C-alpha atoms as a PDB file:
ATOM      1  CA  MET A   1       3.215   1.463   5.293  1.00  0.00           C
ATOM      2  CA  LYS A   2       2.276   5.125   4.881  1.00  0.00           C
ATOM      3  CA  ARG A   3       4.838   7.005   2.918  1.00  0.00           C
ATOM      4  CA  ILE A   4       5.972   9.253   5.739  1.00  0.00           C
ATOM      5  CA  ALA A   5       9.531   8.778   4.497  1.00  0.00           C
ATOM      6  CA  ARG A   6       8.842  10.336   1.119  1.00  0.00           C
ATOM      7  CA  ASN A   7      11.651  12.803   1.670  1.00  0.00           C
ATOM      8  CA  ILE A   8      14.039   9.846   1.660  1.00  0.00           C
ATOM      9  CA  GLN A   9      12.502   8.276  -1.410  1.00  0.00           C
ATOM     10  CA  ALA A  10      12.043  11.514  -3.342  1.00  0.00           C
ATOM     11  CA  SER A  11      15.644  12.543  -2.917  1.00  0.00           C
ATOM     12  CA  LEU A  12      16.710   9.268  -4.442  1.00  0.00           C
ATOM     13  CA  ALA A  13      14.130   8.912  -7.210  1.00  0.00           C
ATOM     14  CA  LEU A  14      15.270   8.354 -10.747  1.00  0.00           C
ATOM     15  CA  VAL A  15      13.671  11.511 -12.114  1.00  0.00           C
ATOM     16  CA  THR A  16      15.346  13.640  -9.484  1.00  0.00           C
ATOM     17  CA  CYS A  17      18.705  12.097 -10.226  1.00  0.00           C
ATOM     18  CA  LEU A  18      18.325  12.989 -13.867  1.00  0.00           C
ATOM     19  CA  SER A  19      16.337  16.199 -14.058  1.00  0.00           C
ATOM     20  CA  SER A  20      18.859  18.000 -11.864  1.00  0.00           C
ATOM     21  CA  GLN A  21      21.505  17.546 -14.545  1.00  0.00           C
ATOM     22  CA  ALA A  22      22.345  20.695 -16.479  1.00  0.00           C
ATOM     23  CA  PRO A  23      22.322  20.641 -20.294  1.00  0.00           C
ATOM     24  CA  SER A  24      25.712  19.573 -21.594  1.00  0.00           C
ATOM     25  CA  GLN A  25      27.570  18.468 -24.673  1.00  0.00           C
ATOM     26  CA  ALA A  26      26.735  15.240 -26.457  1.00  0.00           C
ATOM     27  CA  GLU A  27      28.175  12.006 -25.093  1.00  0.00           C
ATOM     28  CA  THR A  28      28.953  13.423 -21.676  1.00  0.00           C
ATOM     29  CA  PRO A  29      27.535  11.469 -18.718  1.00  0.00           C
ATOM     30  CA  GLU A  30      24.913  14.200 -18.326  1.00  0.00           C
ATOM     31  CA  SER A  31      23.725  13.997 -21.929  1.00  0.00           C
ATOM     32  CA  ILE A  32      23.673  10.201 -21.817  1.00  0.00           C
ATOM     33  CA  ALA A  33      21.643  10.394 -18.628  1.00  0.00           C
ATOM     34  CA  GLU A  34      19.062  12.582 -20.374  1.00  0.00           C
ATOM     35  CA  LYS A  35      18.742  10.031 -23.179  1.00  0.00           C
ATOM     36  CA  ILE A  36      18.311   7.214 -20.668  1.00  0.00           C
ATOM     37  CA  ARG A  37      15.633   9.170 -18.849  1.00  0.00           C
ATOM     38  CA  LYS A  38      13.681   9.798 -22.027  1.00  0.00           C
ATOM     39  CA  GLU A  39      13.830   6.195 -23.206  1.00  0.00           C
ATOM     40  CA  TYR A  40      12.846   4.775 -19.839  1.00  0.00           C
ATOM     41  CA  SER A  41      10.024   7.297 -19.425  1.00  0.00           C
ATOM     42  CA  ASP A  42       8.761   6.306 -22.870  1.00  0.00           C
ATOM     43  CA  GLY A  43       8.681   2.658 -21.799  1.00  0.00           C
ATOM     44  CA  ASN A  44      11.788   1.630 -23.727  1.00  0.00           C
ATOM     45  CA  LYS A  45      13.493  -0.195 -20.873  1.00  0.00           C
ATOM     46  CA  ASP A  46      15.869  -2.274 -23.017  1.00  0.00           C
ATOM     47  CA  ILE A  47      17.071   0.748 -24.963  1.00  0.00           C
ATOM     48  CA  ALA A  48      17.589   2.690 -21.730  1.00  0.00           C
ATOM     49  CA  LEU A  49      19.681  -0.143 -20.279  1.00  0.00           C
ATOM     50  CA  LYS A  50      21.767  -0.420 -23.458  1.00  0.00           C
ATOM     51  CA  LEU A  51      22.452   3.304 -23.366  1.00  0.00           C
ATOM     52  CA  ALA A  52      23.446   3.018 -19.712  1.00  0.00           C
ATOM     53  CA  ALA A  53      25.787   0.089 -20.407  1.00  0.00           C
ATOM     54  CA  LYS A  54      27.508   1.964 -23.244  1.00  0.00           C
ATOM     55  CA  GLY A  55      27.768   5.111 -21.150  1.00  0.00           C
ATOM     56  CA  ILE A  56      29.252   3.254 -18.193  1.00  0.00           C
ATOM     57  CA  LYS A  57      31.809   1.602 -20.454  1.00  0.00           C
ATOM     58  CA  LYS A  58      32.719   4.944 -22.016  1.00  0.00           C
ATOM     59  CA  HIS A  59      32.909   6.756 -18.660  1.00  0.00           C
ATOM     60  CA  PRO A  60      34.155   4.089 -16.199  1.00  0.00           C
ATOM     61  CA  GLU A  61      34.971   6.586 -13.453  1.00  0.00           C
ATOM     62  CA  ASP A  62      31.544   8.218 -13.524  1.00  0.00           C
ATOM     63  CA  TYR A  63      29.086   6.889 -10.937  1.00  0.00           C
ATOM     64  CA  THR A  64      26.003   8.851 -11.992  1.00  0.00           C
ATOM     65  CA  LEU A  65      25.201   6.437 -14.797  1.00  0.00           C
ATOM     66  CA  LEU A  66      25.734   3.462 -12.488  1.00  0.00           C
ATOM     67  CA  THR A  67      23.257   5.019 -10.065  1.00  0.00           C
ATOM     68  CA  ILE A  68      20.702   5.514 -12.812  1.00  0.00           C
ATOM     69  CA  ARG A  69      21.055   1.964 -14.076  1.00  0.00           C
ATOM     70  CA  GLY A  70      20.792   0.663 -10.522  1.00  0.00           C
ATOM     71  CA  ARG A  71      17.523   2.550 -10.085  1.00  0.00           C
ATOM     72  CA  ILE A  72      16.175   1.077 -13.324  1.00  0.00           C
ATOM     73  CA  TYR A  73      17.133  -2.420 -12.224  1.00  0.00           C
ATOM     74  CA  GLU A  74      15.476  -1.778  -8.879  1.00  0.00           C
ATOM     75  CA  GLU A  75      12.288  -0.540 -10.515  1.00  0.00           C
ATOM     76  CA  GLU A  76      12.295  -3.640 -12.714  1.00  0.00           C
ATOM     77  CA  ASN A  77      12.740  -5.952  -9.683  1.00  0.00           C
ATOM     78  CA  GLN A  78      16.192  -7.060 -10.808  1.00  0.00           C
ATOM     79  CA  HIS A  79      17.522  -6.685  -7.301  1.00  0.00           C
ATOM     80  CA  THR A  80      20.826  -8.524  -7.656  1.00  0.00           C
ATOM     81  CA  LYS A  81      21.838  -6.347 -10.595  1.00  0.00           C
ATOM     82  CA  ALA A  82      20.735  -3.231  -8.715  1.00  0.00           C
ATOM     83  CA  GLU A  83      22.818  -4.243  -5.707  1.00  0.00           C
ATOM     84  CA  ASN A  84      25.869  -4.767  -7.913  1.00  0.00           C
ATOM     85  CA  ASP A  85      25.529  -1.314  -9.437  1.00  0.00           C
ATOM     86  CA  TYR A  86      25.040   0.340  -6.049  1.00  0.00           C
ATOM     87  CA  THR A  87      28.100  -1.483  -4.710  1.00  0.00           C
ATOM     88  CA  ASN A  88      30.128  -0.199  -7.648  1.00  0.00           C
ATOM     89  CA  VAL A  89      28.847   3.322  -6.990  1.00  0.00           C
ATOM     90  CA  LEU A  90      29.993   3.102  -3.373  1.00  0.00           C
ATOM     91  CA  SER A  91      33.418   1.875  -4.477  1.00  0.00           C
ATOM     92  CA  LYS A  92      33.761   5.203  -6.308  1.00  0.00           C
ATOM     93  CA  ASN A  93      31.896   7.443  -3.867  1.00  0.00           C
ATOM     94  CA  LYS A  94      31.515   6.355  -0.248  1.00  0.00           C
ATOM     95  CA  THR A  95      29.902   9.661   0.754  1.00  0.00           C
ATOM     96  CA  ASP A  96      26.540   9.063  -0.956  1.00  0.00           C
ATOM     97  CA  ALA A  97      24.243   8.212   1.954  1.00  0.00           C
ATOM     98  CA  GLY A  98      21.311   7.644  -0.369  1.00  0.00           C
ATOM     99  CA  ILE A  99      23.048   4.761  -2.118  1.00  0.00           C
ATOM    100  CA  TYR A 100      23.485   2.976   1.210  1.00  0.00           C
ATOM    101  CA  HIS A 101      19.726   3.306   1.668  1.00  0.00           C
ATOM    102  CA  ARG A 102      18.965   2.023  -1.819  1.00  0.00           C
ATOM    103  CA  ARG A 103      21.359  -0.907  -1.490  1.00  0.00           C
ATOM    104  CA  GLY A 104      19.801  -1.718   1.865  1.00  0.00           C
ATOM    105  CA  VAL A 105      16.412  -1.895   0.179  1.00  0.00           C
ATOM    106  CA  VAL A 106      17.446  -4.278  -2.601  1.00  0.00           C
ATOM    107  CA  ARG A 107      19.419  -6.413  -0.158  1.00  0.00           C
ATOM    108  CA  PHE A 108      16.309  -6.745   1.997  1.00  0.00           C
ATOM    109  CA  PHE A 109      14.330  -7.771  -1.078  1.00  0.00           C
ATOM    110  CA  GLN A 110      16.877 -10.600  -1.527  1.00  0.00           C
ATOM    111  CA  LEU A 111      16.494 -11.711   2.119  1.00  0.00           C
ATOM    112  CA  LYS A 112      19.995 -10.459   2.954  1.00  0.00           C
ATOM    113  CA  PHE A 113      18.827  -9.125   6.285  1.00  0.00           C
ATOM    114  CA  THR A 114      22.184  -8.611   8.010  1.00  0.00           C
ATOM    115  CA  ASP A 115      23.683  -6.830   5.020  1.00  0.00           C
ATOM    116  CA  SER A 116      20.543  -4.739   4.547  1.00  0.00           C
ATOM    117  CA  LEU A 117      20.582  -3.648   8.168  1.00  0.00           C
ATOM    118  CA  ALA A 118      24.252  -2.684   7.906  1.00  0.00           C
ATOM    119  CA  ASP A 119      23.408  -0.404   4.972  1.00  0.00           C
ATOM    120  CA  PHE A 120      20.425   1.159   6.729  1.00  0.00           C
ATOM    121  CA  ASP A 121      22.538   1.724   9.849  1.00  0.00           C
ATOM    122  CA  LYS A 122      25.200   3.411   7.724  1.00  0.00           C
ATOM    123  CA  PHE A 123      22.561   5.632   6.154  1.00  0.00           C
ATOM    124  CA  ILE A 124      21.286   6.688   9.589  1.00  0.00           C
ATOM    125  CA  GLU A 125      24.848   7.269  10.779  1.00  0.00           C
ATOM    126  CA  MET A 126      25.377   9.627   7.841  1.00  0.00           C
ATOM    127  CA  VAL A 127      21.928  11.272   8.029  1.00  0.00           C
ATOM    128  CA  PRO A 128      20.805  10.914  11.670  1.00  0.00           C
ATOM    129  CA  SER A 129      17.829  13.231  11.179  1.00  0.00           C
ATOM    130  CA  GLN A 130      16.186  10.517   9.071  1.00  0.00           C
ATOM    131  CA  GLU A 131      16.102   7.871  11.804  1.00  0.00           C
ATOM    132  CA  PRO A 132      12.507   8.606  12.920  1.00  0.00           C
ATOM    133  CA  TYR A 133      11.270   8.189   9.356  1.00  0.00           C
ATOM    134  CA  HIS A 134      13.069   4.954   8.575  1.00  0.00           C
ATOM    135  CA  TRP A 135      10.371   2.338   9.201  1.00  0.00           C
ATOM    136  CA  GLN A 136      12.042   0.098   6.610  1.00  0.00           C
ATOM    137  CA  ARG A 137      14.908  -0.305   9.066  1.00  0.00           C
ATOM    138  CA  GLY A 138      12.466  -1.502  11.707  1.00  0.00           C
ATOM    139  CA  LEU A 139      11.206  -4.213   9.374  1.00  0.00           C
ATOM    140  CA  VAL A 140      14.734  -5.468   8.766  1.00  0.00           C
ATOM    141  CA  HIS A 141      15.402  -5.484  12.510  1.00  0.00           C
ATOM    142  CA  TYR A 142      12.458  -7.870  12.829  1.00  0.00           C
ATOM    143  CA  TYR A 143      13.661 -10.244  10.124  1.00  0.00           C
ATOM    144  CA  ALA A 144      17.245 -10.110  11.410  1.00  0.00           C
ATOM    145  CA  GLY A 145      16.006 -11.181  14.850  1.00  0.00           C
ATOM    146  CA  LYS A 146      16.911  -7.863  16.506  1.00  0.00           C
ATOM    147  CA  TYR A 147      13.516  -7.399  18.115  1.00  0.00           C
ATOM    148  CA  LYS A 148      14.443  -4.894  20.822  1.00  0.00           C
ATOM    149  CA  ALA A 149      16.074  -2.625  18.262  1.00  0.00           C
ATOM    150  CA  GLY A 150      13.018  -3.066  16.036  1.00  0.00           C
ATOM    151  CA  ARG A 151      10.731  -2.072  18.870  1.00  0.00           C
ATOM    152  CA  LYS A 152      12.803   1.065  19.422  1.00  0.00           C
ATOM    153  CA  GLN A 153      12.694   1.942  15.709  1.00  0.00           C
ATOM    154  CA  PHE A 154       8.904   1.651  15.563  1.00  0.00           C
ATOM    155  CA  GLU A 155       8.572   3.709  18.731  1.00  0.00           C
ATOM    156  CA  VAL A 156      10.653   6.527  17.282  1.00  0.00           C
ATOM    157  CA  HIS A 157       8.707   6.274  14.023  1.00  0.00           C
ATOM    158  CA  GLN A 158       5.527   6.768  16.041  1.00  0.00           C
ATOM    159  CA  THR A 159       6.751  10.285  16.881  1.00  0.00           C
ATOM    160  CA  VAL A 160       6.510  11.310  13.219  1.00  0.00           C
ATOM    161  CA  ASN A 161       3.688   9.011  12.077  1.00  0.00           C
ATOM    162  CA  SER A 162       1.219   8.706  14.913  1.00  0.00           C
ATOM    163  CA  GLN A 163      -1.789   7.201  13.103  1.00  0.00           C
ATOM    164  CA  ASP A 164      -0.410   4.182  11.248  1.00  0.00           C
ATOM    165  CA  VAL A 165      -1.850   0.787  12.197  1.00  0.00           C
ATOM    166  CA  GLU A 166       1.008  -0.957  10.410  1.00  0.00           C
ATOM    167  CA  ASN A 167       3.581   0.711  12.643  1.00  0.00           C
ATOM    168  CA  ALA A 168       1.602  -0.357  15.715  1.00  0.00           C
ATOM    169  CA  VAL A 169       1.421  -3.947  14.434  1.00  0.00           C
ATOM    170  CA  TRP A 170       5.148  -4.277  13.748  1.00  0.00           C
ATOM    171  CA  HIS A 171       5.841  -2.788  17.190  1.00  0.00           C
ATOM    172  CA  TYR A 172       3.529  -5.490  18.625  1.00  0.00           C
ATOM    173  CA  LEU A 173       5.318  -8.208  16.657  1.00  0.00           C
ATOM    174  CA  CYS A 174       8.718  -7.198  18.018  1.00  0.00           C
ATOM    175  CA  ILE A 175       7.474  -7.227  21.620  1.00  0.00           C
ATOM    176  CA  ALA A 176       5.718 -10.558  21.095  1.00  0.00           C
ATOM    177  CA  LYS A 177       9.018 -12.121  20.064  1.00  0.00           C
ATOM    178  CA  THR A 178      10.797 -11.043  23.251  1.00  0.00           C
ATOM    179  CA  ASP A 179       8.052 -10.876  25.886  1.00  0.00           C
ATOM    180  CA  GLY A 180       5.053 -12.776  24.514  1.00  0.00           C
ATOM    181  CA  THR A 181       1.722 -11.721  23.033  1.00  0.00           C
ATOM    182  CA  LYS A 182       0.175 -10.678  26.349  1.00  0.00           C
ATOM    183  CA  LYS A 183       2.916  -8.110  26.901  1.00  0.00           C
ATOM    184  CA  ALA A 184       2.618  -7.023  23.272  1.00  0.00           C
ATOM    185  CA  GLU A 185      -1.128  -6.539  23.678  1.00  0.00           C
ATOM    186  CA  ASP A 186      -0.618  -4.556  26.891  1.00  0.00           C
ATOM    187  CA  ASN A 187       1.775  -2.229  25.049  1.00  0.00           C
ATOM    188  CA  PHE A 188      -0.195  -2.065  21.809  1.00  0.00           C
ATOM    189  CA  ILE A 189      -0.180   1.428  20.332  1.00  0.00           C
ATOM    190  CA  LYS A 190      -3.622   3.008  20.081  1.00  0.00           C
ATOM    191  CA  ILE A 191      -4.536   4.205  16.590  1.00  0.00           C
ATOM    192  CA  THR A 192      -7.773   6.061  15.843  1.00  0.00           C
ATOM    193  CA  SER A 193      -7.494   7.648  12.404  1.00  0.00           C
ATOM    194  CA  ASP A 194      -6.105   5.096   9.938  1.00  0.00           C
ATOM    195  CA  ARG A 195      -8.955   4.860   7.414  1.00  0.00           C
ATOM    196  CA  ARG A 196      -7.435   2.229   5.139  1.00  0.00           C
ATOM    197  CA  VAL A 197      -9.520  -0.933   4.778  1.00  0.00           C
ATOM    198  CA  PRO A 198      -9.327  -3.231   6.703  1.00  0.00           C
ATOM    199  CA  LEU A 199      -6.734  -1.661   9.030  1.00  0.00           C
ATOM    200  CA  LYS A 200      -9.321  -0.680  11.656  1.00  0.00           C
ATOM    201  CA  GLN A 201     -10.340  -4.315  12.041  1.00  0.00           C
ATOM    202  CA  ILE A 202      -6.696  -5.424  11.970  1.00  0.00           C
ATOM    203  CA  HIS A 203      -5.992  -3.045  14.845  1.00  0.00           C
ATOM    204  CA  ALA A 204      -8.904  -4.466  16.832  1.00  0.00           C
ATOM    205  CA  LEU A 205      -7.668  -7.996  16.170  1.00  0.00           C
ATOM    206  CA  PHE A 206      -4.172  -7.313  17.510  1.00  0.00           C
ATOM    207  CA  ALA A 207      -5.668  -5.406  20.449  1.00  0.00           C
ATOM    208  CA  GLY A 208      -7.569  -8.541  21.453  1.00  0.00           C
ATOM    209  CA  LYS A 209     -10.930  -6.959  20.633  1.00  0.00           C
ATOM    210  CA  GLY A 210     -11.583  -8.265  17.136  1.00  0.00           C
ATOM    211  CA  THR A 211     -11.749 -11.465  15.134  1.00  0.00           C
ATOM    212  CA  GLU A 212     -10.423 -12.987  11.955  1.00  0.00           C
ATOM    213  CA  GLN A 213     -13.935 -13.020  10.483  1.00  0.00           C
ATOM    214  CA  GLN A 214     -14.413  -9.306  11.129  1.00  0.00           C
ATOM    215  CA  VAL A 215     -11.283  -8.621   9.082  1.00  0.00           C
ATOM    216  CA  LEU A 216     -12.508 -10.845   6.254  1.00  0.00           C
ATOM    217  CA  ASP A 217     -15.938  -9.201   6.320  1.00  0.00           C
ATOM    218  CA  ALA A 218     -14.406  -5.716   6.190  1.00  0.00           C
ATOM    219  CA  ILE A 219     -12.426  -6.636   3.071  1.00  0.00           C
ATOM    220  CA  ILE A 220     -15.607  -7.066   1.024  1.00  0.00           C
ATOM    221  CA  ALA A 221     -17.909  -4.616   2.838  1.00  0.00           C
ATOM    222  CA  GLY A 222     -19.604  -2.083   0.593  1.00  0.00           C
ATOM    223  CA  ASN A 223     -18.990  -4.076  -2.591  1.00  0.00           C
ATOM    224  CA  PRO A 224     -15.602  -2.463  -3.432  1.00  0.00           C
ATOM    225  CA  ASN A 225     -14.476  -2.183  -7.044  1.00  0.00           C
ATOM    226  CA  ALA A 226     -11.847  -4.596  -8.341  1.00  0.00           C
ATOM    227  CA  ASN A 227      -8.854  -2.413  -7.504  1.00  0.00           C
ATOM    228  CA  ALA A 228     -10.101  -1.603  -4.010  1.00  0.00           C
ATOM    229  CA  LEU A 229     -10.913  -5.259  -3.362  1.00  0.00           C
ATOM    230  CA  THR A 230      -7.421  -6.334  -4.394  1.00  0.00           C
ATOM    231  CA  ARG A 231      -5.889  -3.719  -2.087  1.00  0.00           C
ATOM    232  CA  ASN A 232      -8.170  -4.690   0.802  1.00  0.00           C
ATOM    233  CA  GLN A 233      -7.359  -8.361   0.362  1.00  0.00           C
ATOM    234  CA  PHE A 234      -3.645  -7.699   0.308  1.00  0.00           C
ATOM    235  CA  TYR A 235      -3.561  -5.780   3.584  1.00  0.00           C
ATOM    236  CA  GLY A 236      -6.056  -8.105   5.222  1.00  0.00           C
ATOM    237  CA  HIS A 237      -4.187 -11.250   4.240  1.00  0.00           C
ATOM    238  CA  LEU A 238      -0.752  -9.877   5.116  1.00  0.00           C
ATOM    239  CA  TYR A 239      -1.696  -8.808   8.619  1.00  0.00           C
ATOM    240  CA  LEU A 240      -3.844 -11.848   9.312  1.00  0.00           C
ATOM    241  CA  GLY A 241      -0.792 -13.907   8.434  1.00  0.00           C
ATOM    242  CA  LEU A 242       1.402 -11.899  10.773  1.00  0.00           C
ATOM    243  CA  TYR A 243      -1.201 -12.107  13.538  1.00  0.00           C
ATOM    244  CA  PHE A 244      -1.433 -15.880  13.355  1.00  0.00           C
ATOM    245  CA  GLU A 245       2.337 -16.144  13.201  1.00  0.00           C
ATOM    246  CA  ALA A 246       2.514 -14.250  16.502  1.00  0.00           C
ATOM    247  CA  GLN A 247      -0.095 -16.663  17.891  1.00  0.00           C
ATOM    248  CA  ASN A 248       2.050 -19.637  16.777  1.00  0.00           C
ATOM    249  CA  ASN A 249      -0.660 -20.831  14.377  1.00  0.00           C
ATOM    250  CA  THR A 250       1.767 -21.770  11.622  1.00  0.00           C
ATOM    251  CA  ASN A 251      -0.817 -23.204   9.226  1.00  0.00           C
ATOM    252  CA  LYS A 252      -3.005 -20.107   9.142  1.00  0.00           C
ATOM    253  CA  ALA A 253       0.044 -17.854   9.075  1.00  0.00           C
ATOM    254  CA  ALA A 254       1.454 -19.633   6.025  1.00  0.00           C
ATOM    255  CA  LYS A 255      -1.941 -19.623   4.306  1.00  0.00           C
ATOM    256  CA  TYR A 256      -2.518 -15.880   4.633  1.00  0.00           C
ATOM    257  CA  ILE A 257       1.073 -14.866   3.893  1.00  0.00           C
ATOM    258  CA  ALA A 258       0.963 -16.940   0.706  1.00  0.00           C
ATOM    259  CA  LEU A 259      -2.245 -15.169  -0.330  1.00  0.00           C
ATOM    260  CA  ALA A 260      -0.659 -11.766   0.309  1.00  0.00           C
ATOM    261  CA  ALA A 261       2.482 -12.709  -1.631  1.00  0.00           C
ATOM    262  CA  LYS A 262       0.455 -13.711  -4.692  1.00  0.00           C
ATOM    263  CA  GLY A 263       0.391 -10.718  -7.010  1.00  0.00           C
ATOM    264  CA  HIS A 264       2.645  -8.757  -4.668  1.00  0.00           C
ATOM    265  CA  GLU A 265       4.071  -6.676  -7.529  1.00  0.00           C
ATOM    266  CA  SER A 266       1.101  -4.293  -7.480  1.00  0.00           C
ATOM    267  CA  HIS A 267       1.464  -3.372  -3.802  1.00  0.00           C
ATOM    268  CA  GLY A 268       4.714  -1.443  -3.710  1.00  0.00           C
ATOM    269  CA  TYR A 269       7.149  -1.841  -0.834  1.00  0.00           C
ATOM    270  CA  MET A 270       4.763  -3.776   1.385  1.00  0.00           C
ATOM    271  CA  GLY A 271       4.058  -6.123  -1.503  1.00  0.00           C
ATOM    272  CA  GLN A 272       7.760  -6.923  -1.509  1.00  0.00           C
ATOM    273  CA  VAL A 273       7.576  -7.438   2.256  1.00  0.00           C
ATOM    274  CA  ALA A 274       4.842 -10.038   1.716  1.00  0.00           C
ATOM    275  CA  ARG A 275       6.982 -11.826  -0.876  1.00  0.00           C
ATOM    276  CA  VAL A 276      10.046 -11.682   1.366  1.00  0.00           C
ATOM    277  CA  HIS A 277       8.068 -13.067   4.301  1.00  0.00           C
ATOM    278  CA  HIS A 278       6.652 -15.883   2.182  1.00  0.00           C
ATOM    279  CA  GLU A 279      10.113 -16.872   0.968  1.00  0.00           C
ATOM    280  CA  TRP A 280      11.485 -16.530   4.508  1.00  0.00           C
ATOM    281  CA  LEU A 281       8.859 -18.941   5.845  1.00  0.00           C
ATOM    282  CA  LYS A 282       9.695 -21.420   3.095  1.00  0.00           C
ATOM    283  CA  GLN A 283      13.389 -21.155   3.912  1.00  0.00           C
ATOM    284  CA  LYS A 284      12.776 -21.827   7.593  1.00  0.00           C
ATOM    285  CA  ALA A 285      10.508 -24.783   6.792  1.00  0.00           C
ATOM    286  CA  LYS A 286      13.177 -26.260   4.513  1.00  0.00           C
ATOM    287  CA  ILE A 287      15.855 -25.876   7.206  1.00  0.00           C
ATOM    288  CA  LYS A 288      13.549 -27.459   9.784  1.00  0.00           C
ATOM    289  CA  GLN A 289      12.855 -30.407   7.486  1.00  0.00           C
ATOM    290  CA  THR A 290      16.574 -30.853   6.753  1.00  0.00           C
ATOM    291  CA  LYS A 291      17.341 -31.032  10.471  1.00  0.00           C
ATOM    292  CA  LYS A 292      14.653 -33.679  10.936  1.00  0.00           C
ATOM    293  CA  ASN A 293      16.186 -35.787   8.215  1.00  0.00           C
END
């Protein structure tokens, strides 16, 4: 989704965590942090992690280095390790709202929806001004089966991000779960200025005014370059999958979600959402098959 919540992300970014440190003597947590930052920025991930491990062992009561290592693990998609570090940070400092947010993110990426939502709720409790921006929380509401709360989250997000087709779609999906697709269509949020391809056609599809083929045609219209085509395909496949899921067409839903999940690493947060959804569908299918047997 559009990065309207950049103020959340920016305040928690690795560079910010490190660059704010004042110059200090060698082997202090601050000086170790500077070394980690340099090595990781230079692409030396393994060296950065070794420095972090040594620093954490040398300064067991310091939580700055744990935070930094957690961010590296998160960036490297090692979500379990990131969660462990964030949990250790919170055991030392329960007042860091940002760590609740970050742990909520990596828990979501591991399909720990209830735990993720608890962290996001704690973050909002500590920083209530951020609630309108926290669309990630709305996504977790959906996966946790809390559709009315999800609808509310996407409605409040609309007040700060009024032209995002993705927000309108997730709002639709929450209503469809509780009141059916007709009610969702009747309450579908009108969007006029989202220029991302093929979001215009996706919006028309969910509004009952477009077709699957129009979305597929828009993906390749104008002979996009390789990068643009990959991006178009990702968003088209993800939201076609979600549309057909809402329409109870499980075969098409699974097909398109699987396509979106393939190569998800290059699509940021929503790429992870596609992967999570794909794994979630597989989990549900496995449970269904087990019950049949």
